[in-house]
Amino acid sequence: MPVYLAYATDDNAAPGRALGAELARLGKTHQLEIYSSGGHNFVFSATHASDPDIFRFLAAHLLR
């Protein structure tokens, strides 16, 4: 299962970095993005800079 990890620099991105490193070590499909702002709940905002990246990831990894 491909995993998309999204974090903001004004939140704690250390868990994402650790998980991303482990997924890479295991050869698992994943993408880690750390965005410049947004805080802990940025994925729940109406729009965010992550939106195009998330939809691109989904389009690349979901079956049609």
Protein backbone atom coordinates (compact mmCIF):
# COMPACT_ATOMS: atom_id res chain seq x y z
CA MET A 1 0.00 0.00 0.00
CA PRO A 2 1.59 3.31 -1.05
CA VAL A 3 1.80 5.82 1.81
CA TYR A 4 1.78 9.62 1.53
CA LEU A 5 3.27 11.38 4.55
CA ALA A 6 2.54 15.11 4.90
CA TYR A 7 3.93 17.29 7.68
CA ALA A 8 4.41 21.00 8.29
CA THR A 9 7.64 22.64 9.43
CA ASP A 10 5.73 24.44 12.19
CA ASP A 11 4.71 21.06 13.62
CA ASN A 12 6.82 18.06 14.64
CA ALA A 13 7.92 16.35 11.42
CA ALA A 14 10.36 13.98 13.18
CA PRO A 15 7.91 11.03 13.18
CA GLY A 16 7.38 11.43 9.44
CA ARG A 17 11.10 11.53 8.78
CA ALA A 18 11.59 8.37 10.87
CA LEU A 19 8.71 6.56 9.18
CA GLY A 20 9.86 7.70 5.75
CA ALA A 21 13.36 6.39 6.43
CA GLU A 22 11.98 3.03 7.56
CA LEU A 23 9.69 2.75 4.54
CA ALA A 24 12.67 3.53 2.30
CA ARG A 25 14.79 0.92 4.09
CA LEU A 26 12.05 -1.64 3.48
CA GLY A 27 11.67 -0.62 -0.17
CA LYS A 28 8.04 0.43 0.32
CA THR A 29 6.35 2.91 -1.98
CA HIS A 30 5.93 6.19 -0.15
CA GLN A 31 6.33 9.93 -0.43
CA LEU A 32 7.29 12.27 2.40
CA GLU A 33 6.54 15.96 1.99
CA ILE A 34 7.26 18.60 4.59
CA TYR A 35 5.41 21.85 3.88
CA SER A 36 6.50 25.27 5.06
CA SER A 37 3.39 25.99 7.11
CA GLY A 38 0.05 24.71 8.21
CA GLY A 39 0.50 23.41 11.72
CA HIS A 40 -0.83 20.14 12.99
CA ASN A 41 -4.21 20.18 11.20
CA PHE A 42 -3.31 21.65 7.81
CA VAL A 43 -4.77 18.70 5.91
CA PHE A 44 -8.21 19.67 7.20
CA SER A 45 -8.10 23.20 5.80
CA ALA A 46 -10.17 24.04 2.73
CA THR A 47 -7.07 24.54 0.59
CA HIS A 48 -3.35 24.08 1.16
CA ALA A 49 -0.16 23.93 -0.88
CA SER A 50 -0.23 20.14 -0.37
CA ASP A 51 -3.42 19.66 -2.39
CA PRO A 52 -1.81 19.23 -5.84
CA ASP A 53 0.85 16.89 -4.43
CA ILE A 54 -1.71 14.71 -2.68
CA PHE A 55 -3.92 14.40 -5.77
CA ARG A 56 -0.89 13.65 -7.96
CA PHE A 57 0.17 10.89 -5.54
CA LEU A 58 -3.33 9.42 -5.49
CA ALA A 59 -3.60 9.53 -9.29
CA ALA A 60 -0.28 7.73 -9.61
CA HIS A 61 -1.09 4.97 -7.12
CA LEU A 62 -4.84 4.29 -7.25
CA LEU A 63 -6.30 1.83 -9.68
CA ARG A 64 -8.87 3.21 -12.07
